[in-house]
């Protein structure tokens, strides 16, 4: 069983969002995520409207490292605080939430 980690993020409107993730087991050893899939979504605070899908790419799958991102073209339309989570599916088909948190919104100043 995996305990879901809580990690809050800040998404800057109109900027590319990138978050690097490393899945480290309770023994302190990176988890080999070969054969795993990863999904992540951003929703409004009430969980009623999806604001964005994160793009997932593997950094080194065998050492459990990957990147989640949202392109600037998508963040430009985000105008509110929300919540996100990361759903992992093991090769066996078992699913669990690896990460979740609040997604703070920052409208920024430059480029307005």
PDB file of N, CA and C in Angstrom:
ATOM      1  N   UNK A   1       0.837  -1.179   0.000  1.00  0.00           N
ATOM      2  CA  UNK A   1       0.000   0.000   0.000  1.00  0.00           C
ATOM      3  C   UNK A   1       0.882   1.242   0.000  1.00  0.00           C
ATOM      4  N   UNK A   2       0.445   2.239  -0.735  1.00  0.00           N
ATOM      5  CA  UNK A   2       1.193   3.486  -0.844  1.00  0.00           C
ATOM      6  C   UNK A   2       0.435   4.574  -0.110  1.00  0.00           C
ATOM      7  N   UNK A   3       1.131   5.327   0.704  1.00  0.00           N
ATOM      8  CA  UNK A   3       0.534   6.494   1.339  1.00  0.00           C
ATOM      9  C   UNK A   3       0.639   7.665   0.377  1.00  0.00           C
ATOM     10  N   UNK A   4      -0.475   8.281   0.078  1.00  0.00           N
ATOM     11  CA  UNK A   4      -0.498   9.408  -0.840  1.00  0.00           C
ATOM     12  C   UNK A   4       0.227  10.596  -0.207  1.00  0.00           C
ATOM     13  N   UNK A   5       1.198  11.142  -0.938  1.00  0.00           N
ATOM     14  CA  UNK A   5       1.935  12.308  -0.452  1.00  0.00           C
ATOM     15  C   UNK A   5       1.173  13.576  -0.816  1.00  0.00           C
ATOM     16  N   UNK A   6       1.205  14.557   0.065  1.00  0.00           N
ATOM     17  CA  UNK A   6       0.599  15.862  -0.187  1.00  0.00           C
ATOM     18  C   UNK A   6       1.693  16.854  -0.536  1.00  0.00           C
ATOM     19  N   UNK A   7       1.497  17.551  -1.669  1.00  0.00           N
ATOM     20  CA  UNK A   7       2.471  18.540  -2.114  1.00  0.00           C
ATOM     21  C   UNK A   7       1.734  19.630  -2.874  1.00  0.00           C
ATOM     22  N   UNK A   8       1.746  20.846  -2.341  1.00  0.00           N
ATOM     23  CA  UNK A   8       1.068  21.965  -2.985  1.00  0.00           C
ATOM     24  C   UNK A   8       1.972  22.567  -4.068  1.00  0.00           C
ATOM     25  N   UNK A   9       1.349  23.053  -5.141  1.00  0.00           N
ATOM     26  CA  UNK A   9       2.079  23.635  -6.259  1.00  0.00           C
ATOM     27  C   UNK A   9       1.516  25.025  -6.574  1.00  0.00           C
ATOM     28  N   UNK A  10       2.272  25.819  -7.314  1.00  0.00           N
ATOM     29  CA  UNK A  10       1.797  27.106  -7.811  1.00  0.00           C
ATOM     30  C   UNK A  10       1.913  27.092  -9.329  1.00  0.00           C
ATOM     31  N   UNK A  11       0.804  27.391  -9.987  1.00  0.00           N
ATOM     32  CA  UNK A  11       0.773  27.464 -11.444  1.00  0.00           C
ATOM     33  C   UNK A  11       0.691  28.934 -11.835  1.00  0.00           C
ATOM     34  N   UNK A  12       1.647  29.377 -12.617  1.00  0.00           N
ATOM     35  CA  UNK A  12       1.695  30.762 -13.078  1.00  0.00           C
ATOM     36  C   UNK A  12       0.958  30.855 -14.412  1.00  0.00           C
ATOM     37  N   UNK A  13      -0.050  31.708 -14.456  1.00  0.00           N
ATOM     38  CA  UNK A  13      -0.859  31.848 -15.650  1.00  0.00           C
ATOM     39  C   UNK A  13       0.004  32.276 -16.839  1.00  0.00           C
ATOM     40  N   UNK A  14      -0.141  31.571 -17.963  1.00  0.00           N
ATOM     41  CA  UNK A  14       0.586  31.900 -19.178  1.00  0.00           C
ATOM     42  C   UNK A  14       2.015  31.414 -19.233  1.00  0.00           C
ATOM     43  N   UNK A  15       2.449  30.652 -18.225  1.00  0.00           N
ATOM     44  CA  UNK A  15       3.810  30.102 -18.205  1.00  0.00           C
ATOM     45  C   UNK A  15       3.739  28.573 -18.215  1.00  0.00           C
ATOM     46  N   UNK A  16       4.753  27.945 -18.765  1.00  0.00           N
ATOM     47  CA  UNK A  16       4.822  26.489 -18.752  1.00  0.00           C
ATOM     48  C   UNK A  16       5.042  26.019 -17.325  1.00  0.00           C
ATOM     49  N   UNK A  17       4.233  25.069 -16.884  1.00  0.00           N
ATOM     50  CA  UNK A  17       4.405  24.491 -15.550  1.00  0.00           C
ATOM     51  C   UNK A  17       5.155  23.178 -15.703  1.00  0.00           C
ATOM     52  N   UNK A  18       6.196  22.974 -14.893  1.00  0.00           N
ATOM     53  CA  UNK A  18       6.965  21.724 -14.897  1.00  0.00           C
ATOM     54  C   UNK A  18       7.212  21.286 -13.467  1.00  0.00           C
ATOM     55  N   UNK A  19       6.957  20.013 -13.203  1.00  0.00           N
ATOM     56  CA  UNK A  19       7.244  19.434 -11.887  1.00  0.00           C
ATOM     57  C   UNK A  19       7.937  18.091 -12.100  1.00  0.00           C
ATOM     58  N   UNK A  20       9.125  17.961 -11.531  1.00  0.00           N
ATOM     59  CA  UNK A  20       9.847  16.689 -11.570  1.00  0.00           C
ATOM     60  C   UNK A  20       9.475  15.870 -10.348  1.00  0.00           C
ATOM     61  N   UNK A  21       9.201  14.582 -10.564  1.00  0.00           N
ATOM     62  CA  UNK A  21       8.747  13.700  -9.493  1.00  0.00           C
ATOM     63  C   UNK A  21       9.665  12.487  -9.421  1.00  0.00           C
ATOM     64  N   UNK A  22       9.997  12.069  -8.202  1.00  0.00           N
ATOM     65  CA  UNK A  22      10.766  10.844  -7.970  1.00  0.00           C
ATOM     66  C   UNK A  22       9.981   9.987  -6.988  1.00  0.00           C
ATOM     67  N   UNK A  23       9.647   8.773  -7.384  1.00  0.00           N
ATOM     68  CA  UNK A  23       8.905   7.843  -6.534  1.00  0.00           C
ATOM     69  C   UNK A  23       9.918   7.029  -5.735  1.00  0.00           C
ATOM     70  N   UNK A  24      10.018   7.366  -4.452  1.00  0.00           N
ATOM     71  CA  UNK A  24      10.950   6.697  -3.544  1.00  0.00           C
ATOM     72  C   UNK A  24      10.139   5.841  -2.578  1.00  0.00           C
ATOM     73  N   UNK A  25      10.488   4.575  -2.465  1.00  0.00           N
ATOM     74  CA  UNK A  25       9.769   3.670  -1.564  1.00  0.00           C
ATOM     75  C   UNK A  25      10.023   3.997  -0.103  1.00  0.00           C
ATOM     76  N   UNK A  26       9.250   3.385   0.780  1.00  0.00           N
ATOM     77  CA  UNK A  26       9.394   3.621   2.221  1.00  0.00           C
ATOM     78  C   UNK A  26      10.762   3.180   2.742  1.00  0.00           C
ATOM     79  N   UNK A  27      11.455   2.329   1.974  1.00  0.00           N
ATOM     80  CA  UNK A  27      12.799   1.882   2.350  1.00  0.00           C
ATOM     81  C   UNK A  27      13.882   2.844   1.868  1.00  0.00           C
ATOM     82  N   UNK A  28      13.471   3.953   1.217  1.00  0.00           N
ATOM     83  CA  UNK A  28      14.428   4.941   0.733  1.00  0.00           C
ATOM     84  C   UNK A  28      15.021   4.623  -0.626  1.00  0.00           C
ATOM     85  N   UNK A  29      14.549   3.560  -1.252  1.00  0.00           N
ATOM     86  CA  UNK A  29      15.069   3.139  -2.554  1.00  0.00           C
ATOM     87  C   UNK A  29      14.086   3.558  -3.644  1.00  0.00           C
ATOM     88  N   UNK A  30      14.583   4.121  -4.764  1.00  0.00           N
ATOM     89  CA  UNK A  30      13.685   4.484  -5.868  1.00  0.00           C
ATOM     90  C   UNK A  30      12.911   3.268  -6.367  1.00  0.00           C
ATOM     91  N   UNK A  31      11.650   3.473  -6.720  1.00  0.00           N
ATOM     92  CA  UNK A  31      10.789   2.402  -7.207  1.00  0.00           C
ATOM     93  C   UNK A  31      10.970   2.264  -8.715  1.00  0.00           C
ATOM     94  N   UNK A  32      11.239   1.052  -9.165  1.00  0.00           N
ATOM     95  CA  UNK A  32      11.322   0.774 -10.593  1.00  0.00           C
ATOM     96  C   UNK A  32       9.902   0.821 -11.155  1.00  0.00           C
ATOM     97  N   UNK A  33       9.618   1.805 -11.995  1.00  0.00           N
ATOM     98  CA  UNK A  33       8.274   1.994 -12.525  1.00  0.00           C
ATOM     99  C   UNK A  33       8.114   1.446 -13.946  1.00  0.00           C
ATOM    100  N   UNK A  34       8.971   0.505 -14.325  1.00  0.00           N
ATOM    101  CA  UNK A  34       8.832  -0.125 -15.640  1.00  0.00           C
ATOM    102  C   UNK A  34       7.472  -0.796 -15.733  1.00  0.00           C
ATOM    103  N   UNK A  35       6.741  -0.484 -16.781  1.00  0.00           N
ATOM    104  CA  UNK A  35       5.408  -1.045 -16.977  1.00  0.00           C
ATOM    105  C   UNK A  35       4.292  -0.263 -16.299  1.00  0.00           C
ATOM    106  N   UNK A  36       4.618   0.753 -15.539  1.00  0.00           N
ATOM    107  CA  UNK A  36       3.613   1.586 -14.863  1.00  0.00           C
ATOM    108  C   UNK A  36       3.067   2.633 -15.844  1.00  0.00           C
ATOM    109  N   UNK A  37       1.882   3.126 -15.552  1.00  0.00           N
ATOM    110  CA  UNK A  37       1.361   4.301 -16.248  1.00  0.00           C
ATOM    111  C   UNK A  37       1.061   5.372 -15.203  1.00  0.00           C
ATOM    112  N   UNK A  38       1.093   6.621 -15.649  1.00  0.00           N
ATOM    113  CA  UNK A  38       0.872   7.764 -14.766  1.00  0.00           C
ATOM    114  C   UNK A  38      -0.135   8.696 -15.422  1.00  0.00           C
ATOM    115  N   UNK A  39      -1.128   9.138 -14.648  1.00  0.00           N
ATOM    116  CA  UNK A  39      -2.107  10.116 -15.103  1.00  0.00           C
ATOM    117  C   UNK A  39      -2.190  11.204 -14.042  1.00  0.00           C
ATOM    118  N   UNK A  40      -2.400  12.444 -14.470  1.00  0.00           N
ATOM    119  CA  UNK A  40      -2.553  13.542 -13.516  1.00  0.00           C
ATOM    120  C   UNK A  40      -3.496  14.587 -14.106  1.00  0.00           C
ATOM    121  N   UNK A  41      -4.362  15.106 -13.248  1.00  0.00           N
ATOM    122  CA  UNK A  41      -5.348  16.095 -13.668  1.00  0.00           C
ATOM    123  C   UNK A  41      -5.420  17.230 -12.655  1.00  0.00           C
ATOM    124  N   UNK A  42      -5.806  18.396 -13.157  1.00  0.00           N
ATOM    125  CA  UNK A  42      -6.022  19.584 -12.345  1.00  0.00           C
ATOM    126  C   UNK A  42      -7.506  19.928 -12.414  1.00  0.00           C
ATOM    127  N   UNK A  43      -8.128  20.075 -11.247  1.00  0.00           N
ATOM    128  CA  UNK A  43      -9.555  20.382 -11.150  1.00  0.00           C
ATOM    129  C   UNK A  43      -9.763  21.645 -10.338  1.00  0.00           C
ATOM    130  N   UNK A  44     -10.930  22.261 -10.479  1.00  0.00           N
ATOM    131  CA  UNK A  44     -11.238  23.421  -9.642  1.00  0.00           C
ATOM    132  C   UNK A  44     -11.362  22.966  -8.182  1.00  0.00           C
ATOM    133  N   UNK A  45     -11.483  23.914  -7.268  1.00  0.00           N
ATOM    134  CA  UNK A  45     -11.498  23.585  -5.830  1.00  0.00           C
ATOM    135  C   UNK A  45     -12.635  22.656  -5.448  1.00  0.00           C
ATOM    136  N   UNK A  46     -13.764  22.786  -6.104  1.00  0.00           N
ATOM    137  CA  UNK A  46     -14.934  21.964  -5.769  1.00  0.00           C
ATOM    138  C   UNK A  46     -14.885  20.589  -6.431  1.00  0.00           C
ATOM    139  N   UNK A  47     -13.945  20.382  -7.356  1.00  0.00           N
ATOM    140  CA  UNK A  47     -13.844  19.106  -8.051  1.00  0.00           C
ATOM    141  C   UNK A  47     -14.939  18.899  -9.086  1.00  0.00           C
ATOM    142  N   UNK A  48     -15.525  19.993  -9.579  1.00  0.00           N
ATOM    143  CA  UNK A  48     -16.628  19.890 -10.532  1.00  0.00           C
ATOM    144  C   UNK A  48     -16.220  20.207 -11.971  1.00  0.00           C
ATOM    145  N   UNK A  49     -15.084  20.887 -12.164  1.00  0.00           N
ATOM    146  CA  UNK A  49     -14.647  21.266 -13.499  1.00  0.00           C
ATOM    147  C   UNK A  49     -13.160  20.958 -13.657  1.00  0.00           C
ATOM    148  N   UNK A  50     -12.836  20.166 -14.698  1.00  0.00           N
ATOM    149  CA  UNK A  50     -11.429  19.892 -14.962  1.00  0.00           C
ATOM    150  C   UNK A  50     -10.812  21.106 -15.628  1.00  0.00           C
ATOM    151  N   UNK A  51      -9.679  21.562 -15.089  1.00  0.00           N
ATOM    152  CA  UNK A  51      -8.988  22.735 -15.612  1.00  0.00           C
ATOM    153  C   UNK A  51      -7.887  22.345 -16.603  1.00  0.00           C
ATOM    154  N   UNK A  52      -7.267  21.179 -16.401  1.00  0.00           N
ATOM    155  CA  UNK A  52      -6.168  20.764 -17.288  1.00  0.00           C
ATOM    156  C   UNK A  52      -5.782  19.318 -17.028  1.00  0.00           C
ATOM    157  N   UNK A  53      -5.231  18.708 -18.056  1.00  0.00           N
ATOM    158  CA  UNK A  53      -4.536  17.429 -17.927  1.00  0.00           C
ATOM    159  C   UNK A  53      -3.045  17.731 -17.911  1.00  0.00           C
ATOM    160  N   UNK A  54      -2.322  17.106 -17.019  1.00  0.00           N
ATOM    161  CA  UNK A  54      -0.868  17.213 -17.022  1.00  0.00           C
ATOM    162  C   UNK A  54      -0.322  16.317 -18.138  1.00  0.00           C
ATOM    163  N   UNK A  55       0.755  16.754 -18.769  1.00  0.00           N
ATOM    164  CA  UNK A  55       1.478  15.928 -19.729  1.00  0.00           C
ATOM    165  C   UNK A  55       2.521  15.154 -18.929  1.00  0.00           C
ATOM    166  N   UNK A  56       2.584  13.860 -19.135  1.00  0.00           N
ATOM    167  CA  UNK A  56       3.526  13.002 -18.413  1.00  0.00           C
ATOM    168  C   UNK A  56       4.637  12.557 -19.356  1.00  0.00           C
ATOM    169  N   UNK A  57       5.882  12.605 -18.883  1.00  0.00           N
ATOM    170  CA  UNK A  57       6.993  12.018 -19.628  1.00  0.00           C
ATOM    171  C   UNK A  57       7.966  11.391 -18.637  1.00  0.00           C
ATOM    172  N   UNK A  58       8.501  10.244 -19.020  1.00  0.00           N
ATOM    173  CA  UNK A  58       9.461   9.543 -18.152  1.00  0.00           C
ATOM    174  C   UNK A  58      10.823  10.212 -18.244  1.00  0.00           C
ATOM    175  N   UNK A  59      11.463  10.358 -17.088  1.00  0.00           N
ATOM    176  CA  UNK A  59      12.853  10.791 -17.046  1.00  0.00           C
ATOM    177  C   UNK A  59      13.701   9.529 -17.082  1.00  0.00           C
ATOM    178  N   UNK A  60      13.593   8.694 -16.039  1.00  0.00           N
ATOM    179  CA  UNK A  60      14.207   7.368 -16.012  1.00  0.00           C
ATOM    180  C   UNK A  60      13.197   6.437 -15.343  1.00  0.00           C
ATOM    181  N   UNK A  61      12.480   5.692 -16.143  1.00  0.00           N
ATOM    182  CA  UNK A  61      11.407   4.843 -15.625  1.00  0.00           C
ATOM    183  C   UNK A  61      11.916   3.822 -14.606  1.00  0.00           C
ATOM    184  N   UNK A  62      13.086   3.240 -14.848  1.00  0.00           N
ATOM    185  CA  UNK A  62      13.620   2.223 -13.946  1.00  0.00           C
ATOM    186  C   UNK A  62      13.981   2.772 -12.570  1.00  0.00           C
ATOM    187  N   UNK A  63      14.148   4.097 -12.472  1.00  0.00           N
ATOM    188  CA  UNK A  63      14.437   4.685 -11.154  1.00  0.00           C
ATOM    189  C   UNK A  63      13.278   5.554 -10.661  1.00  0.00           C
ATOM    190  N   UNK A  64      12.103   5.378 -11.263  1.00  0.00           N
ATOM    191  CA  UNK A  64      10.893   6.026 -10.763  1.00  0.00           C
ATOM    192  C   UNK A  64      10.861   7.530 -10.892  1.00  0.00           C
ATOM    193  N   UNK A  65      11.536   8.086 -11.896  1.00  0.00           N
ATOM    194  CA  UNK A  65      11.521   9.530 -12.060  1.00  0.00           C
ATOM    195  C   UNK A  65      10.773   9.917 -13.334  1.00  0.00           C
ATOM    196  N   UNK A  66       9.936  10.942 -13.191  1.00  0.00           N
ATOM    197  CA  UNK A  66       9.163  11.418 -14.337  1.00  0.00           C
ATOM    198  C   UNK A  66       8.864  12.896 -14.185  1.00  0.00           C
ATOM    199  N   UNK A  67       8.371  13.479 -15.262  1.00  0.00           N
ATOM    200  CA  UNK A  67       8.057  14.900 -15.300  1.00  0.00           C
ATOM    201  C   UNK A  67       6.581  15.066 -15.619  1.00  0.00           C
ATOM    202  N   UNK A  68       5.940  16.003 -14.904  1.00  0.00           N
ATOM    203  CA  UNK A  68       4.577  16.415 -15.211  1.00  0.00           C
ATOM    204  C   UNK A  68       4.636  17.863 -15.656  1.00  0.00           C
ATOM    205  N   UNK A  69       3.904  18.189 -16.701  1.00  0.00           N
ATOM    206  CA  UNK A  69       3.924  19.566 -17.180  1.00  0.00           C
ATOM    207  C   UNK A  69       2.552  19.972 -17.709  1.00  0.00           C
ATOM    208  N   UNK A  70       2.358  21.277 -17.789  1.00  0.00           N
ATOM    209  CA  UNK A  70       1.184  21.868 -18.421  1.00  0.00           C
ATOM    210  C   UNK A  70       1.717  22.981 -19.315  1.00  0.00           C
ATOM    211  N   UNK A  71       1.399  22.948 -20.621  1.00  0.00           N
ATOM    212  CA  UNK A  71       1.937  23.973 -21.511  1.00  0.00           C
ATOM    213  C   UNK A  71       1.370  25.357 -21.226  1.00  0.00           C
ATOM    214  N   UNK A  72       2.126  26.378 -21.598  1.00  0.00           N
ATOM    215  CA  UNK A  72       1.717  27.766 -21.382  1.00  0.00           C
ATOM    216  C   UNK A  72       0.384  28.065 -22.058  1.00  0.00           C
ATOM    217  N   UNK A  73       0.131  27.439 -23.206  1.00  0.00           N
ATOM    218  CA  UNK A  73      -1.135  27.678 -23.907  1.00  0.00           C
ATOM    219  C   UNK A  73      -2.330  27.227 -23.069  1.00  0.00           C
ATOM    220  N   UNK A  74      -2.129  26.262 -22.193  1.00  0.00           N
ATOM    221  CA  UNK A  74      -3.197  25.795 -21.298  1.00  0.00           C
ATOM    222  C   UNK A  74      -3.257  26.628 -20.026  1.00  0.00           C
ATOM    223  N   UNK A  75      -2.091  26.928 -19.428  1.00  0.00           N
ATOM    224  CA  UNK A  75      -2.104  27.702 -18.175  1.00  0.00           C
ATOM    225  C   UNK A  75      -2.636  29.113 -18.393  1.00  0.00           C
ATOM    226  N   UNK A  76      -2.560  29.616 -19.631  1.00  0.00           N
ATOM    227  CA  UNK A  76      -3.072  30.960 -19.895  1.00  0.00           C
ATOM    228  C   UNK A  76      -4.567  31.055 -19.644  1.00  0.00           C
ATOM    229  N   UNK A  77      -5.282  29.930 -19.715  1.00  0.00           N
ATOM    230  CA  UNK A  77      -6.717  29.922 -19.471  1.00  0.00           C
ATOM    231  C   UNK A  77      -7.111  29.586 -18.046  1.00  0.00           C
ATOM    232  N   UNK A  78      -6.141  29.285 -17.192  1.00  0.00           N
ATOM    233  CA  UNK A  78      -6.432  28.947 -15.797  1.00  0.00           C
ATOM    234  C   UNK A  78      -6.495  30.231 -14.988  1.00  0.00           C
ATOM    235  N   UNK A  79      -7.617  30.456 -14.307  1.00  0.00           N
ATOM    236  CA  UNK A  79      -7.794  31.718 -13.570  1.00  0.00           C
ATOM    237  C   UNK A  79      -8.272  31.498 -12.145  1.00  0.00           C
ATOM    238  N   UNK A  80      -8.040  30.297 -11.614  1.00  0.00           N
ATOM    239  CA  UNK A  80      -8.505  30.025 -10.261  1.00  0.00           C
ATOM    240  C   UNK A  80      -7.650  28.963  -9.590  1.00  0.00           C
ATOM    241  N   UNK A  81      -7.693  28.963  -8.282  1.00  0.00           N
ATOM    242  CA  UNK A  81      -7.026  27.943  -7.484  1.00  0.00           C
ATOM    243  C   UNK A  81      -7.749  26.619  -7.693  1.00  0.00           C
ATOM    244  N   UNK A  82      -7.028  25.528  -7.584  1.00  0.00           N
ATOM    245  CA  UNK A  82      -7.645  24.221  -7.765  1.00  0.00           C
ATOM    246  C   UNK A  82      -6.979  23.150  -6.928  1.00  0.00           C
ATOM    247  N   UNK A  83      -7.167  21.928  -7.382  1.00  0.00           N
ATOM    248  CA  UNK A  83      -6.569  20.768  -6.725  1.00  0.00           C
ATOM    249  C   UNK A  83      -6.134  19.790  -7.812  1.00  0.00           C
ATOM    250  N   UNK A  84      -5.131  18.976  -7.486  1.00  0.00           N
ATOM    251  CA  UNK A  84      -4.641  18.009  -8.463  1.00  0.00           C
ATOM    252  C   UNK A  84      -4.326  16.703  -7.762  1.00  0.00           C
ATOM    253  N   UNK A  85      -4.202  15.656  -8.563  1.00  0.00           N
ATOM    254  CA  UNK A  85      -3.698  14.393  -8.038  1.00  0.00           C
ATOM    255  C   UNK A  85      -3.008  13.629  -9.157  1.00  0.00           C
ATOM    256  N   UNK A  86      -2.213  12.637  -8.742  1.00  0.00           N
ATOM    257  CA  UNK A  86      -1.443  11.814  -9.672  1.00  0.00           C
ATOM    258  C   UNK A  86      -1.828  10.361  -9.406  1.00  0.00           C
ATOM    259  N   UNK A  87      -2.411   9.717 -10.415  1.00  0.00           N
ATOM    260  CA  UNK A  87      -2.866   8.330 -10.321  1.00  0.00           C
ATOM    261  C   UNK A  87      -1.867   7.432 -11.036  1.00  0.00           C
ATOM    262  N   UNK A  88      -1.380   6.419 -10.327  1.00  0.00           N
ATOM    263  CA  UNK A  88      -0.402   5.487 -10.869  1.00  0.00           C
ATOM    264  C   UNK A  88      -1.067   4.123 -11.023  1.00  0.00           C
ATOM    265  N   UNK A  89      -0.810   3.469 -12.163  1.00  0.00           N
ATOM    266  CA  UNK A  89      -1.307   2.115 -12.387  1.00  0.00           C
ATOM    267  C   UNK A  89      -0.111   1.184 -12.527  1.00  0.00           C
ATOM    268  N   UNK A  90      -0.061   0.153 -11.678  1.00  0.00           N
ATOM    269  CA  UNK A  90       1.010  -0.838 -11.729  1.00  0.00           C
ATOM    270  C   UNK A  90       0.767  -1.804 -12.891  1.00  0.00           C
ATOM    271  N   UNK A  91       1.799  -2.539 -13.313  1.00  0.00           N
ATOM    272  CA  UNK A  91       1.616  -3.516 -14.377  1.00  0.00           C
ATOM    273  C   UNK A  91       0.516  -4.548 -14.054  1.00  0.00           C
ATOM    274  N   UNK A  92       0.278  -4.825 -12.776  1.00  0.00           N
ATOM    275  CA  UNK A  92      -0.756  -5.775 -12.356  1.00  0.00           C
ATOM    276  C   UNK A  92      -2.166  -5.224 -12.547  1.00  0.00           C
ATOM    277  N   UNK A  93      -2.269  -3.900 -12.764  1.00  0.00           N
ATOM    278  CA  UNK A  93      -3.569  -3.250 -12.879  1.00  0.00           C
ATOM    279  C   UNK A  93      -3.999  -2.546 -11.605  1.00  0.00           C
ATOM    280  N   UNK A  94      -3.275  -2.768 -10.497  1.00  0.00           N
ATOM    281  CA  UNK A  94      -3.592  -2.055  -9.257  1.00  0.00           C
ATOM    282  C   UNK A  94      -3.331  -0.573  -9.446  1.00  0.00           C
ATOM    283  N   UNK A  95      -4.232   0.260  -8.889  1.00  0.00           N
ATOM    284  CA  UNK A  95      -4.137   1.708  -9.015  1.00  0.00           C
ATOM    285  C   UNK A  95      -4.074   2.341  -7.635  1.00  0.00           C
ATOM    286  N   UNK A  96      -3.343   3.451  -7.543  1.00  0.00           N
ATOM    287  CA  UNK A  96      -3.306   4.218  -6.305  1.00  0.00           C
ATOM    288  C   UNK A  96      -2.871   5.643  -6.613  1.00  0.00           C
ATOM    289  N   UNK A  97      -3.213   6.539  -5.700  1.00  0.00           N
ATOM    290  CA  UNK A  97      -2.820   7.943  -5.835  1.00  0.00           C
ATOM    291  C   UNK A  97      -1.461   8.125  -5.180  1.00  0.00           C
ATOM    292  N   UNK A  98      -0.515   8.584  -5.962  1.00  0.00           N
ATOM    293  CA  UNK A  98       0.848   8.782  -5.498  1.00  0.00           C
ATOM    294  C   UNK A  98       1.023  10.149  -4.856  1.00  0.00           C
ATOM    295  N   UNK A  99       0.339  11.160  -5.415  1.00  0.00           N
ATOM    296  CA  UNK A  99       0.573  12.542  -5.023  1.00  0.00           C
ATOM    297  C   UNK A  99      -0.712  13.330  -5.185  1.00  0.00           C
ATOM    298  N   UNK A 100      -0.918  14.309  -4.301  1.00  0.00           N
ATOM    299  CA  UNK A 100      -2.087  15.188  -4.401  1.00  0.00           C
ATOM    300  C   UNK A 100      -1.778  16.495  -3.697  1.00  0.00           C
ATOM    301  N   UNK A 101      -2.569  17.522  -4.019  1.00  0.00           N
ATOM    302  CA  UNK A 101      -2.367  18.786  -3.324  1.00  0.00           C
ATOM    303  C   UNK A 101      -3.195  19.907  -3.906  1.00  0.00           C
ATOM    304  N   UNK A 102      -3.015  21.065  -3.314  1.00  0.00           N
ATOM    305  CA  UNK A 102      -3.658  22.276  -3.785  1.00  0.00           C
ATOM    306  C   UNK A 102      -2.804  22.874  -4.896  1.00  0.00           C
ATOM    307  N   UNK A 103      -3.459  23.395  -5.910  1.00  0.00           N
ATOM    308  CA  UNK A 103      -2.776  24.083  -7.001  1.00  0.00           C
ATOM    309  C   UNK A 103      -3.124  25.563  -6.884  1.00  0.00           C
ATOM    310  N   UNK A 104      -2.189  26.328  -6.365  1.00  0.00           N
ATOM    311  CA  UNK A 104      -2.395  27.767  -6.250  1.00  0.00           C
ATOM    312  C   UNK A 104      -2.206  28.411  -7.614  1.00  0.00           C
ATOM    313  N   UNK A 105      -2.915  29.491  -7.858  1.00  0.00           N
ATOM    314  CA  UNK A 105      -2.868  30.201  -9.124  1.00  0.00           C
ATOM    315  C   UNK A 105      -2.194  31.544  -8.915  1.00  0.00           C
ATOM    316  N   UNK A 106      -1.292  31.903  -9.833  1.00  0.00           N
ATOM    317  CA  UNK A 106      -0.626  33.197  -9.789  1.00  0.00           C
ATOM    318  C   UNK A 106      -0.759  33.836 -11.163  1.00  0.00           C
ATOM    319  N   UNK A 107      -1.438  34.980 -11.229  1.00  0.00           N
ATOM    320  CA  UNK A 107      -1.671  35.668 -12.495  1.00  0.00           C
ATOM    321  C   UNK A 107      -0.440  36.316 -13.090  1.00  0.00           C
ATOM    322  N   UNK A 108       0.600  36.520 -12.291  1.00  0.00           N
ATOM    323  CA  UNK A 108       1.837  37.120 -12.797  1.00  0.00           C
ATOM    324  C   UNK A 108       1.663  38.573 -13.199  1.00  0.00           C
ATOM    325  N   UNK A 109       2.750  39.200 -13.563  1.00  0.00           N
ATOM    326  CA  UNK A 109       2.755  40.599 -13.966  1.00  0.00           C
ATOM    327  C   UNK A 109       3.331  40.802 -15.359  1.00  0.00           C
ATOM    328  N   UNK A 110       4.431  40.146 -15.653  1.00  0.00           N
ATOM    329  CA  UNK A 110       5.119  40.328 -16.927  1.00  0.00           C
ATOM    330  C   UNK A 110       4.305  39.739 -18.070  1.00  0.00           C
ATOM    331  N   UNK A 111       4.243  40.469 -19.172  1.00  0.00           N
ATOM    332  CA  UNK A 111       3.574  39.965 -20.365  1.00  0.00           C
ATOM    333  C   UNK A 111       2.085  40.222 -20.405  1.00  0.00           C
ATOM    334  N   UNK A 112       1.574  41.008 -19.469  1.00  0.00           N
ATOM    335  CA  UNK A 112       0.137  41.273 -19.469  1.00  0.00           C
ATOM    336  C   UNK A 112      -0.261  42.092 -20.658  1.00  0.00           C
TER     337      UNK A 112
END
